[in-house]
PDB file of N, CA and C in Angstrom:
ATOM      1  N   MET A   1     154.972  95.966 131.096  1.00  0.00           N
ATOM      2  CA  MET A   1     153.263  96.303 132.056  1.00  0.00           C
ATOM      3  C   MET A   1     152.720  97.552 131.067  1.00  0.00           C
ATOM      4  N   ASP A   2     152.269  97.474 130.155  1.00  0.00           N
ATOM      5  CA  ASP A   2     151.440  98.080 129.096  1.00  0.00           C
ATOM      6  C   ASP A   2     150.194  98.999 129.854  1.00  0.00           C
ATOM      7  N   ASP A   3     149.483  99.358 131.334  1.00  0.00           N
ATOM      8  CA  ASP A   3     149.164  99.431 131.740  1.00  0.00           C
ATOM      9  C   ASP A   3     149.726 100.035 132.986  1.00  0.00           C
ATOM     10  N   ILE A   4     150.935 100.253 132.633  1.00  0.00           N
ATOM     11  CA  ILE A   4     151.319 101.678 134.442  1.00  0.00           C
ATOM     12  C   ILE A   4     150.781 102.987 133.856  1.00  0.00           C
ATOM     13  N   PRO A   5     150.595 102.932 135.424  1.00  0.00           N
ATOM     14  CA  PRO A   5     150.281 104.327 135.478  1.00  0.00           C
ATOM     15  C   PRO A   5     151.477 105.378 134.824  1.00  0.00           C
ATOM     16  N   ALA A   6     150.349 106.493 134.380  1.00  0.00           N
ATOM     17  CA  ALA A   6     151.117 107.283 133.552  1.00  0.00           C
ATOM     18  C   ALA A   6     152.289 108.472 134.529  1.00  0.00           C
ATOM     19  N   ASN A   7     151.647 108.302 135.756  1.00  0.00           N
ATOM     20  CA  ASN A   7     153.232 108.941 136.371  1.00  0.00           C
ATOM     21  C   ASN A   7     154.386 108.368 136.954  1.00  0.00           C
ATOM     22  N   VAL A   8     154.373 106.836 137.038  1.00  0.00           N
ATOM     23  CA  VAL A   8     155.543 106.073 136.911  1.00  0.00           C
ATOM     24  C   VAL A   8     157.176 106.906 136.247  1.00  0.00           C
ATOM     25  N   GLY A   9     156.702 107.249 134.774  1.00  0.00           N
ATOM     26  CA  GLY A   9     157.710 108.670 134.192  1.00  0.00           C
ATOM     27  C   GLY A   9     158.424 109.117 134.942  1.00  0.00           C
ATOM     28  N   ALA A  10     156.941 109.759 136.466  1.00  0.00           N
ATOM     29  CA  ALA A  10     158.013 110.671 136.580  1.00  0.00           C
ATOM     30  C   ALA A  10     158.575 110.551 137.666  1.00  0.00           C
ATOM     31  N   ASN A  11     158.927 109.186 138.048  1.00  0.00           N
ATOM     32  CA  ASN A  11     159.840 109.501 138.790  1.00  0.00           C
ATOM     33  C   ASN A  11     161.165 108.348 138.253  1.00  0.00           C
ATOM     34  N   VAL A  12     161.571 108.669 136.754  1.00  0.00           N
ATOM     35  CA  VAL A  12     162.037 107.997 136.039  1.00  0.00           C
ATOM     36  C   VAL A  12     163.685 109.108 135.082  1.00  0.00           C
ATOM     37  N   ASP A  13     164.407 109.570 135.890  1.00  0.00           N
ATOM     38  CA  ASP A  13     165.362 110.363 134.869  1.00  0.00           C
ATOM     39  C   ASP A  13     165.805 109.864 133.898  1.00  0.00           C
ATOM     40  N   GLY A  14     165.534 109.443 132.746  1.00  0.00           N
ATOM     41  CA  GLY A  14     166.512 109.122 131.839  1.00  0.00           C
ATOM     42  C   GLY A  14     166.031 108.855 130.512  1.00  0.00           C
ATOM     43  N   GLY A  15     166.407 107.575 129.835  1.00  0.00           N
ATOM     44  CA  GLY A  15     165.400 107.122 128.516  1.00  0.00           C
ATOM     45  C   GLY A  15     164.511 105.752 128.706  1.00  0.00           C
ATOM     46  N   SER A  16     164.727 105.185 127.894  1.00  0.00           N
ATOM     47  CA  SER A  16     163.439 103.651 127.721  1.00  0.00           C
ATOM     48  C   SER A  16     164.483 102.602 128.954  1.00  0.00           C
ATOM     49  N   ASP A  17     165.782 102.554 129.025  1.00  0.00           N
ATOM     50  CA  ASP A  17     166.094 101.961 129.909  1.00  0.00           C
ATOM     51  C   ASP A  17     165.889 101.923 131.204  1.00  0.00           C
ATOM     52  N   ASP A  18     165.686 102.954 131.934  1.00  0.00           N
ATOM     53  CA  ASP A  18     165.340 103.696 133.378  1.00  0.00           C
ATOM     54  C   ASP A  18     163.751 102.985 132.747  1.00  0.00           C
ATOM     55  N   LEU A  19     163.166 103.290 132.228  1.00  0.00           N
ATOM     56  CA  LEU A  19     161.754 102.882 132.455  1.00  0.00           C
ATOM     57  C   LEU A  19     161.485 101.500 132.296  1.00  0.00           C
ATOM     58  N   ALA A  20     162.586 100.432 131.236  1.00  0.00           N
ATOM     59  CA  ALA A  20     162.427  99.252 131.111  1.00  0.00           C
ATOM     60  C   ALA A  20     162.598  99.224 132.750  1.00  0.00           C
ATOM     61  N   GLN A  21     163.601  99.447 133.386  1.00  0.00           N
ATOM     62  CA  GLN A  21     164.359  98.346 134.651  1.00  0.00           C
ATOM     63  C   GLN A  21     163.159  99.178 135.515  1.00  0.00           C
ATOM     64  N   THR A  22     162.434 100.212 135.909  1.00  0.00           N
ATOM     65  CA  THR A  22     161.115 100.153 136.282  1.00  0.00           C
ATOM     66  C   THR A  22     160.417  99.881 136.010  1.00  0.00           C
ATOM     67  N   THR A  23     159.934  99.544 134.983  1.00  0.00           N
ATOM     68  CA  THR A  23     158.515  98.168 134.986  1.00  0.00           C
ATOM     69  C   THR A  23     159.091  96.923 134.883  1.00  0.00           C
ATOM     70  N   GLN A  24     160.448  96.580 135.482  1.00  0.00           N
ATOM     71  CA  GLN A  24     160.836  95.177 135.921  1.00  0.00           C
ATOM     72  C   GLN A  24     160.348  95.575 137.643  1.00  0.00           C
ATOM     73  N   ASP A  25     160.741  96.357 137.648  1.00  0.00           N
ATOM     74  CA  ASP A  25     160.902  96.317 139.837  1.00  0.00           C
ATOM     75  C   ASP A  25     159.691  96.679 140.400  1.00  0.00           C
ATOM     76  N   LEU A  26     158.373  97.396 139.596  1.00  0.00           N
ATOM     77  CA  LEU A  26     157.743  96.952 139.441  1.00  0.00           C
ATOM     78  C   LEU A  26     156.643  95.371 139.628  1.00  0.00           C
ATOM     79  N   ALA A  27     156.838  94.940 138.281  1.00  0.00           N
ATOM     80  CA  ALA A  27     156.735  93.506 138.179  1.00  0.00           C
ATOM     81  C   ALA A  27     157.117  93.059 139.739  1.00  0.00           C
ATOM     82  N   ARG A  28     158.254  93.360 139.703  1.00  0.00           N
ATOM     83  CA  ARG A  28     159.017  92.300 140.878  1.00  0.00           C
ATOM     84  C   ARG A  28     158.652  92.295 142.126  1.00  0.00           C
ATOM     85  N   LEU A  29     158.248  93.769 142.176  1.00  0.00           N
ATOM     86  CA  LEU A  29     157.394  94.331 143.674  1.00  0.00           C
ATOM     87  C   LEU A  29     156.407  93.380 143.998  1.00  0.00           C
ATOM     88  N   LEU A  30     155.283  93.113 142.696  1.00  0.00           N
ATOM     89  CA  LEU A  30     154.227  92.409 142.501  1.00  0.00           C
ATOM     90  C   LEU A  30     154.114  90.790 142.826  1.00  0.00           C
ATOM     91  N   GLN A  31     155.089  90.442 142.078  1.00  0.00           N
ATOM     92  CA  GLN A  31     155.783  89.023 142.188  1.00  0.00           C
ATOM     93  C   GLN A  31     155.912  88.705 143.627  1.00  0.00           C
ATOM     94  N   ARG A  32     156.824  89.816 144.618  1.00  0.00           N
ATOM     95  CA  ARG A  32     156.872  89.169 145.629  1.00  0.00           C
ATOM     96  C   ARG A  32     156.042  88.933 146.993  1.00  0.00           C
ATOM     97  N   LEU A  33     155.302  90.026 146.502  1.00  0.00           N
ATOM     98  CA  LEU A  33     153.827  90.229 147.415  1.00  0.00           C
ATOM     99  C   LEU A  33     152.881  89.136 147.246  1.00  0.00           C
ATOM    100  N   ALA A  34     152.293  88.771 145.845  1.00  0.00           N
ATOM    101  CA  ALA A  34     152.634  87.538 145.213  1.00  0.00           C
ATOM    102  C   ALA A  34     152.579  86.444 146.061  1.00  0.00           C
ATOM    103  N   ASP A  35     154.187  85.725 145.717  1.00  0.00           N
ATOM    104  CA  ASP A  35     155.404  84.640 146.782  1.00  0.00           C
ATOM    105  C   ASP A  35     154.601  85.154 148.330  1.00  0.00           C
ATOM    106  N   GLY A  36     154.026  86.174 149.119  1.00  0.00           N
ATOM    107  CA  GLY A  36     154.309  86.475 150.472  1.00  0.00           C
ATOM    108  C   GLY A  36     152.685  85.611 150.558  1.00  0.00           C
ATOM    109  N   ARG A  37     152.043  85.935 150.006  1.00  0.00           N
ATOM    110  CA  ARG A  37     150.901  85.866 150.023  1.00  0.00           C
ATOM    111  C   ARG A  37     150.555  83.844 149.853  1.00  0.00           C
ATOM    112  N   ARG A  38     151.400  84.108 148.860  1.00  0.00           N
ATOM    113  CA  ARG A  38     151.494  82.220 149.236  1.00  0.00           C
ATOM    114  C   ARG A  38     151.732  81.154 150.421  1.00  0.00           C
ATOM    115  N   GLU A  39     153.137  82.063 150.461  1.00  0.00           N
ATOM    116  CA  GLU A  39     153.018  81.199 152.194  1.00  0.00           C
ATOM    117  C   GLU A  39     152.698  81.996 153.022  1.00  0.00           C
ATOM    118  N   GLY A  40     151.445  82.131 152.958  1.00  0.00           N
ATOM    119  CA  GLY A  40     150.354  82.650 153.808  1.00  0.00           C
ATOM    120  C   GLY A  40     151.267  83.781 154.514  1.00  0.00           C
ATOM    121  N   ARG A  41     151.122  85.446 153.933  1.00  0.00           N
ATOM    122  CA  ARG A  41     151.658  86.025 154.787  1.00  0.00           C
ATOM    123  C   ARG A  41     150.613  86.825 153.513  1.00  0.00           C
ATOM    124  N   GLU A  42     149.717  87.199 154.155  1.00  0.00           N
ATOM    125  CA  GLU A  42     148.819  88.418 153.895  1.00  0.00           C
ATOM    126  C   GLU A  42     149.116  89.647 152.690  1.00  0.00           C
ATOM    127  N   ALA A  43     150.485  89.453 154.294  1.00  0.00           N
ATOM    128  CA  ALA A  43     150.848  91.320 154.121  1.00  0.00           C
ATOM    129  C   ALA A  43     152.134  91.213 154.386  1.00  0.00           C
ATOM    130  N   LEU A  44     152.892  92.194 154.039  1.00  0.00           N
ATOM    131  CA  LEU A  44     154.429  92.094 153.674  1.00  0.00           C
ATOM    132  C   LEU A  44     155.133  93.452 154.788  1.00  0.00           C
ATOM    133  N   SER A  45     155.384  93.191 155.606  1.00  0.00           N
ATOM    134  CA  SER A  45     156.630  94.796 156.061  1.00  0.00           C
ATOM    135  C   SER A  45     157.043  95.012 154.940  1.00  0.00           C
ATOM    136  N   LEU A  46     157.659  96.705 154.954  1.00  0.00           N
ATOM    137  CA  LEU A  46     158.124  97.446 154.132  1.00  0.00           C
ATOM    138  C   LEU A  46     159.931  96.850 154.434  1.00  0.00           C
ATOM    139  N   ALA A  47     160.336  96.277 155.462  1.00  0.00           N
ATOM    140  CA  ALA A  47     161.640  96.094 155.963  1.00  0.00           C
ATOM    141  C   ALA A  47     161.770  95.054 154.832  1.00  0.00           C
ATOM    142  N   ARG A  48     160.652  93.649 155.096  1.00  0.00           N
ATOM    143  CA  ARG A  48     160.622  92.179 154.523  1.00  0.00           C
ATOM    144  C   ARG A  48     160.835  92.544 153.160  1.00  0.00           C
ATOM    145  N   LEU A  49     159.801  93.570 152.948  1.00  0.00           N
ATOM    146  CA  LEU A  49     159.277  93.476 150.796  1.00  0.00           C
ATOM    147  C   LEU A  49     160.403  94.132 150.088  1.00  0.00           C
ATOM    148  N   ALA A  50     161.285  95.353 150.821  1.00  0.00           N
ATOM    149  CA  ALA A  50     162.409  95.865 150.337  1.00  0.00           C
ATOM    150  C   ALA A  50     163.987  94.796 150.099  1.00  0.00           C
ATOM    151  N   LYS A  51     163.724  93.955 151.369  1.00  0.00           N
ATOM    152  CA  LYS A  51     164.823  92.613 151.113  1.00  0.00           C
ATOM    153  C   LYS A  51     165.158  91.730 150.030  1.00  0.00           C
ATOM    154  N   ARG A  52     163.083  91.785 150.270  1.00  0.00           N
ATOM    155  CA  ARG A  52     162.952  90.712 149.142  1.00  0.00           C
ATOM    156  C   ARG A  52     163.404  90.814 147.449  1.00  0.00           C
ATOM    157  N   SER A  53     162.479  92.398 147.430  1.00  0.00           N
ATOM    158  CA  SER A  53     162.548  92.871 146.398  1.00  0.00           C
ATOM    159  C   SER A  53     164.301  93.482 145.469  1.00  0.00           C
ATOM    160  N   ALA A  54     165.036  93.375 146.484  1.00  0.00           N
ATOM    161  CA  ALA A  54     166.689  93.923 146.610  1.00  0.00           C
ATOM    162  C   ALA A  54     166.745  94.894 145.675  1.00  0.00           C
ATOM    163  N   LEU A  55     165.895  95.919 146.458  1.00  0.00           N
ATOM    164  CA  LEU A  55     165.563  97.610 146.257  1.00  0.00           C
ATOM    165  C   LEU A  55     165.609  98.311 147.470  1.00  0.00           C
ATOM    166  N   PRO A  56     166.008  99.759 147.264  1.00  0.00           N
ATOM    167  CA  PRO A  56     166.731 100.280 148.820  1.00  0.00           C
ATOM    168  C   PRO A  56     165.281 100.815 149.153  1.00  0.00           C
ATOM    169  N   MET A  57     165.089 100.530 150.404  1.00  0.00           N
ATOM    170  CA  MET A  57     163.515 101.371 150.857  1.00  0.00           C
ATOM    171  C   MET A  57     162.845 103.388 150.111  1.00  0.00           C
ATOM    172  N   SER A  58     164.459 103.982 149.724  1.00  0.00           N
ATOM    173  CA  SER A  58     163.851 105.015 149.661  1.00  0.00           C
ATOM    174  C   SER A  58     163.191 104.638 148.336  1.00  0.00           C
ATOM    175  N   THR A  59     163.420 104.018 146.987  1.00  0.00           N
ATOM    176  CA  THR A  59     163.197 103.402 146.672  1.00  0.00           C
ATOM    177  C   THR A  59     161.803 102.421 146.041  1.00  0.00           C
ATOM    178  N   LEU A  60     161.904 101.383 147.516  1.00  0.00           N
ATOM    179  CA  LEU A  60     161.035 100.092 147.334  1.00  0.00           C
ATOM    180  C   LEU A  60     159.380 101.829 147.501  1.00  0.00           C
ATOM    181  N   LEU A  61     159.929 102.840 148.558  1.00  0.00           N
ATOM    182  CA  LEU A  61     158.835 103.264 149.272  1.00  0.00           C
ATOM    183  C   LEU A  61     158.168 104.678 147.791  1.00  0.00           C
ATOM    184  N   ARG A  62     158.718 105.117 146.687  1.00  0.00           N
ATOM    185  CA  ARG A  62     158.517 105.365 145.663  1.00  0.00           C
ATOM    186  C   ARG A  62     157.599 104.534 144.568  1.00  0.00           C
ATOM    187  N   TYR A  63     158.627 103.660 144.176  1.00  0.00           N
ATOM    188  CA  TYR A  63     157.198 102.572 143.593  1.00  0.00           C
ATOM    189  C   TYR A  63     156.141 102.567 144.219  1.00  0.00           C
ATOM    190  N   LEU A  64     155.796 102.062 145.631  1.00  0.00           N
ATOM    191  CA  LEU A  64     154.841 101.366 146.476  1.00  0.00           C
ATOM    192  C   LEU A  64     153.535 103.064 146.066  1.00  0.00           C
ATOM    193  N   SER A  65     154.099 103.991 146.228  1.00  0.00           N
ATOM    194  CA  SER A  65     153.300 105.511 145.735  1.00  0.00           C
ATOM    195  C   SER A  65     151.918 104.923 144.774  1.00  0.00           C
ATOM    196  N   VAL A  66     153.955 104.583 143.632  1.00  0.00           N
ATOM    197  CA  VAL A  66     152.465 104.352 142.518  1.00  0.00           C
ATOM    198  C   VAL A  66     151.966 103.230 142.467  1.00  0.00           C
ATOM    199  N   LEU A  67     151.833 102.522 143.304  1.00  0.00           N
ATOM    200  CA  LEU A  67     151.119 101.230 142.605  1.00  0.00           C
ATOM    201  C   LEU A  67     150.560 101.336 143.607  1.00  0.00           C
ATOM    202  N   THR A  68     150.289 101.648 144.762  1.00  0.00           N
ATOM    203  CA  THR A  68     149.086 102.308 145.485  1.00  0.00           C
ATOM    204  C   THR A  68     148.481 103.389 145.443  1.00  0.00           C
ATOM    205  N   ASP A  69     148.476 103.961 144.251  1.00  0.00           N
ATOM    206  CA  ASP A  69     147.871 104.824 143.481  1.00  0.00           C
ATOM    207  C   ASP A  69     146.712 104.290 142.628  1.00  0.00           C
ATOM    208  N   ALA A  70     147.764 103.155 142.085  1.00  0.00           N
ATOM    209  CA  ALA A  70     147.254 102.273 140.570  1.00  0.00           C
ATOM    210  C   ALA A  70     146.085 101.718 141.222  1.00  0.00           C
ATOM    211  N   GLY A  71     145.729 101.227 143.397  1.00  0.00           N
ATOM    212  CA  GLY A  71     145.228  99.933 143.184  1.00  0.00           C
ATOM    213  C   GLY A  71     145.647  99.127 142.977  1.00  0.00           C
ATOM    214  N   TRP A  72     146.628  98.287 142.696  1.00  0.00           N
ATOM    215  CA  TRP A  72     147.115  97.124 142.767  1.00  0.00           C
ATOM    216  C   TRP A  72     148.193  96.745 144.210  1.00  0.00           C
ATOM    217  N   VAL A  73     148.209  98.009 144.976  1.00  0.00           N
ATOM    218  CA  VAL A  73     149.097  97.456 146.065  1.00  0.00           C
ATOM    219  C   VAL A  73     148.121  98.439 147.375  1.00  0.00           C
ATOM    220  N   ALA A  74     147.907  97.414 148.500  1.00  0.00           N
ATOM    221  CA  ALA A  74     147.626  98.513 149.672  1.00  0.00           C
ATOM    222  C   ALA A  74     148.287  98.840 151.046  1.00  0.00           C
ATOM    223  N   LEU A  75     148.641  99.982 151.845  1.00  0.00           N
ATOM    224  CA  LEU A  75     149.142 100.407 152.752  1.00  0.00           C
ATOM    225  C   LEU A  75     148.888  99.756 154.126  1.00  0.00           C
ATOM    226  N   ASP A  76     148.695  99.074 155.026  1.00  0.00           N
ATOM    227  CA  ASP A  76     148.194  98.812 155.961  1.00  0.00           C
ATOM    228  C   ASP A  76     148.964  99.491 157.233  1.00  0.00           C
ATOM    229  N   ASP A  77     148.507  99.638 158.046  1.00  0.00           N
ATOM    230  CA  ASP A  77     148.928  99.497 159.090  1.00  0.00           C
ATOM    231  C   ASP A  77     148.827  98.292 160.485  1.00  0.00           C
ATOM    232  N   GLY A  78     150.515  97.738 160.607  1.00  0.00           N
ATOM    233  CA  GLY A  78     150.498  96.581 161.053  1.00  0.00           C
ATOM    234  C   GLY A  78     150.844  96.620 162.813  1.00  0.00           C
ATOM    235  N   GLU A  79     151.032  95.815 163.508  1.00  0.00           N
ATOM    236  CA  GLU A  79     151.220  95.626 164.477  1.00  0.00           C
ATOM    237  C   GLU A  79     152.433  96.294 164.779  1.00  0.00           C
ATOM    238  N   ARG A  80     152.606  96.763 166.333  1.00  0.00           N
ATOM    239  CA  ARG A  80     153.963  97.264 166.724  1.00  0.00           C
ATOM    240  C   ARG A  80     153.989  98.772 165.686  1.00  0.00           C
ATOM    241  N   GLY A  81     153.055  99.520 165.026  1.00  0.00           N
ATOM    242  CA  GLY A  81     153.559 100.606 163.955  1.00  0.00           C
ATOM    243  C   GLY A  81     154.554  99.818 162.774  1.00  0.00           C
ATOM    244  N   LEU A  82     154.267  98.609 162.595  1.00  0.00           N
ATOM    245  CA  LEU A  82     155.181  98.410 160.864  1.00  0.00           C
ATOM    246  C   LEU A  82     153.910  98.728 160.218  1.00  0.00           C
ATOM    247  N   SER A  83     154.459  99.540 158.807  1.00  0.00           N
ATOM    248  CA  SER A  83     153.747  99.175 157.733  1.00  0.00           C
ATOM    249  C   SER A  83     153.694  98.263 156.937  1.00  0.00           C
ATOM    250  N   LEU A  84     152.462  96.957 156.775  1.00  0.00           N
ATOM    251  CA  LEU A  84     152.663  96.873 156.131  1.00  0.00           C
ATOM    252  C   LEU A  84     152.589  96.556 154.744  1.00  0.00           C
ATOM    253  N   ALA A  85     152.638  96.181 153.096  1.00  0.00           N
ATOM    254  CA  ALA A  85     151.997  96.266 151.838  1.00  0.00           C
ATOM    255  C   ALA A  85     150.638  94.822 151.821  1.00  0.00           C
ATOM    256  N   ARG A  86     150.347  94.958 150.761  1.00  0.00           N
ATOM    257  CA  ARG A  86     149.633  93.459 150.254  1.00  0.00           C
ATOM    258  C   ARG A  86     149.108  93.776 148.850  1.00  0.00           C
ATOM    259  N   LEU A  87     148.448  92.977 148.301  1.00  0.00           N
ATOM    260  CA  LEU A  87     148.745  92.960 146.889  1.00  0.00           C
ATOM    261  C   LEU A  87     147.362  92.770 146.988  1.00  0.00           C
ATOM    262  N   THR A  88     146.257  93.718 145.892  1.00  0.00           N
ATOM    263  CA  THR A  88     144.825  94.138 146.230  1.00  0.00           C
ATOM    264  C   THR A  88     144.595  93.245 144.672  1.00  0.00           C
ATOM    265  N   PRO A  89     143.328  92.388 144.787  1.00  0.00           N
ATOM    266  CA  PRO A  89     142.926  91.357 143.910  1.00  0.00           C
ATOM    267  C   PRO A  89     142.862  92.545 142.147  1.00  0.00           C
ATOM    268  N   ALA A  90     143.138  93.570 142.334  1.00  0.00           N
ATOM    269  CA  ALA A  90     143.508  94.398 140.830  1.00  0.00           C
ATOM    270  C   ALA A  90     145.084  93.829 140.504  1.00  0.00           C
ATOM    271  N   GLY A  91     146.084  94.155 141.322  1.00  0.00           N
ATOM    272  CA  GLY A  91     147.866  93.767 141.691  1.00  0.00           C
ATOM    273  C   GLY A  91     147.550  92.248 140.692  1.00  0.00           C
ATOM    274  N   ALA A  92     146.281  91.646 141.576  1.00  0.00           N
ATOM    275  CA  ALA A  92     147.070  89.624 141.242  1.00  0.00           C
ATOM    276  C   ALA A  92     146.384  90.224 139.955  1.00  0.00           C
ATOM    277  N   ALA A  93     145.430  90.634 139.938  1.00  0.00           N
ATOM    278  CA  ALA A  93     145.076  90.917 138.006  1.00  0.00           C
ATOM    279  C   ALA A  93     146.187  90.643 137.128  1.00  0.00           C
ATOM    280  N   GLN A  94     146.962  92.631 137.251  1.00  0.00           N
ATOM    281  CA  GLN A  94     147.513  92.791 136.737  1.00  0.00           C
ATOM    282  C   GLN A  94     148.976  92.000 136.753  1.00  0.00           C
ATOM    283  N   LEU A  95     149.314  90.855 137.650  1.00  0.00           N
ATOM    284  CA  LEU A  95     150.183  90.487 137.747  1.00  0.00           C
ATOM    285  C   LEU A  95     150.285  89.376 136.367  1.00  0.00           C
ATOM    286  N   ASP A  96     148.749  88.773 136.565  1.00  0.00           N
ATOM    287  CA  ASP A  96     148.180  87.753 135.765  1.00  0.00           C
ATOM    288  C   ASP A  96     148.396  88.252 134.885  1.00  0.00           C
ATOM    289  N   SER A  97     148.154  89.193 134.617  1.00  0.00           N
ATOM    290  CA  SER A  97     148.695  89.412 132.774  1.00  0.00           C
ATOM    291  C   SER A  97     149.475  89.703 132.415  1.00  0.00           C
ATOM    292  N   LEU A  98     150.568  89.967 133.594  1.00  0.00           N
ATOM    293  CA  LEU A  98     151.844  90.357 133.209  1.00  0.00           C
ATOM    294  C   LEU A  98     152.377  88.998 132.721  1.00  0.00           C
ATOM    295  N   ARG A  99     152.200  88.154 133.144  1.00  0.00           N
ATOM    296  CA  ARG A  99     152.439  86.583 132.985  1.00  0.00           C
ATOM    297  C   ARG A  99     152.055  86.166 132.037  1.00  0.00           C
ATOM    298  N   ASN A 100     151.202  86.263 131.362  1.00  0.00           N
ATOM    299  CA  ASN A 100     149.977  85.582 130.219  1.00  0.00           C
ATOM    300  C   ASN A 100     150.807  86.409 128.653  1.00  0.00           C
ATOM    301  N   THR A 101     151.239  87.541 128.790  1.00  0.00           N
ATOM    302  CA  THR A 101     151.659  87.977 128.400  1.00  0.00           C
ATOM    303  C   THR A 101     153.002  88.290 128.072  1.00  0.00           C
ATOM    304  N   GLY A 102     153.711  87.158 128.511  1.00  0.00           N
ATOM    305  CA  GLY A 102     154.911  87.283 128.273  1.00  0.00           C
ATOM    306  C   GLY A 102     156.239  88.258 128.781  1.00  0.00           C
ATOM    307  N   ALA A 103     155.332  89.452 129.236  1.00  0.00           N
ATOM    308  CA  ALA A 103     155.755  90.726 129.503  1.00  0.00           C
ATOM    309  C   ALA A 103     156.954  90.259 130.694  1.00  0.00           C
ATOM    310  N   THR A 104     156.586  89.982 132.132  1.00  0.00           N
ATOM    311  CA  THR A 104     157.696  89.295 132.731  1.00  0.00           C
ATOM    312  C   THR A 104     159.250  88.399 132.581  1.00  0.00           C
ATOM    313  N   ASP A 105     160.202  88.771 133.050  1.00  0.00           N
ATOM    314  CA  ASP A 105     161.262  88.323 133.005  1.00  0.00           C
ATOM    315  C   ASP A 105     162.351  87.567 133.437  1.00  0.00           C
ATOM    316  N   ALA A 106     163.152  86.932 133.341  1.00  0.00           N
ATOM    317  CA  ALA A 106     163.674  86.617 134.713  1.00  0.00           C
ATOM    318  C   ALA A 106     164.273  86.861 136.382  1.00  0.00           C
ATOM    319  N   THR A 107     163.604  88.948 136.132  1.00  0.00           N
ATOM    320  CA  THR A 107     163.639  89.219 136.774  1.00  0.00           C
ATOM    321  C   THR A 107     163.126  89.464 138.129  1.00  0.00           C
ATOM    322  N   VAL A 108     161.717  89.047 137.599  1.00  0.00           N
ATOM    323  CA  VAL A 108     160.625  88.399 138.202  1.00  0.00           C
ATOM    324  C   VAL A 108     160.639  87.468 138.752  1.00  0.00           C
ATOM    325  N   GLY A 109     161.314  86.552 138.470  1.00  0.00           N
ATOM    326  CA  GLY A 109     161.527  84.651 139.255  1.00  0.00           C
ATOM    327  C   GLY A 109     161.689  84.687 140.447  1.00  0.00           C
ATOM    328  N   ASN A 110     161.206  83.915 141.251  1.00  0.00           N
ATOM    329  CA  ASN A 110     161.495  83.672 142.213  1.00  0.00           C
ATOM    330  C   ASN A 110     162.853  82.918 143.578  1.00  0.00           C
ATOM    331  N   ASP A 111     163.620  83.777 142.702  1.00  0.00           N
ATOM    332  CA  ASP A 111     164.992  83.583 143.015  1.00  0.00           C
ATOM    333  C   ASP A 111     165.798  84.821 143.448  1.00  0.00           C
ATOM    334  N   VAL A 112     164.829  86.140 143.296  1.00  0.00           N
ATOM    335  CA  VAL A 112     165.872  87.732 143.866  1.00  0.00           C
ATOM    336  C   VAL A 112     165.127  87.518 145.701  1.00  0.00           C
ATOM    337  N   GLY A 113     165.435  87.766 146.671  1.00  0.00           N
ATOM    338  CA  GLY A 113     165.427  88.234 147.893  1.00  0.00           C
ATOM    339  C   GLY A 113     165.126  87.147 148.543  1.00  0.00           C
ATOM    340  N   ARG A 114     165.221  85.601 148.469  1.00  0.00           N
ATOM    341  CA  ARG A 114     164.713  84.631 149.393  1.00  0.00           C
ATOM    342  C   ARG A 114     165.323  84.635 150.570  1.00  0.00           C
TER     343      ARG A 114
END
């Protein structure tokens, strides 16, 4: 993810292995939101997204902050007070870019959290 926002590193305490893991996690989040869209869900609840992406809620919230700042994900208020995350057109373009450059790996596949 060459165009990851500069503030991603601020959330990672460690070396390049941590940054690589963060990059994979962010790509996986974009992929899960795209999967939801293909299933007819324009947005996913944060609980559903945490489960599908196999991330603790605290980590998910930190990553969503980065992704919303980048304009790749939008957070909306849903019914019953639920917060919903949806992939923006810019986020879909970023995910396509990752796929085209081969920057995604097996962790971004459709097998996690289903």
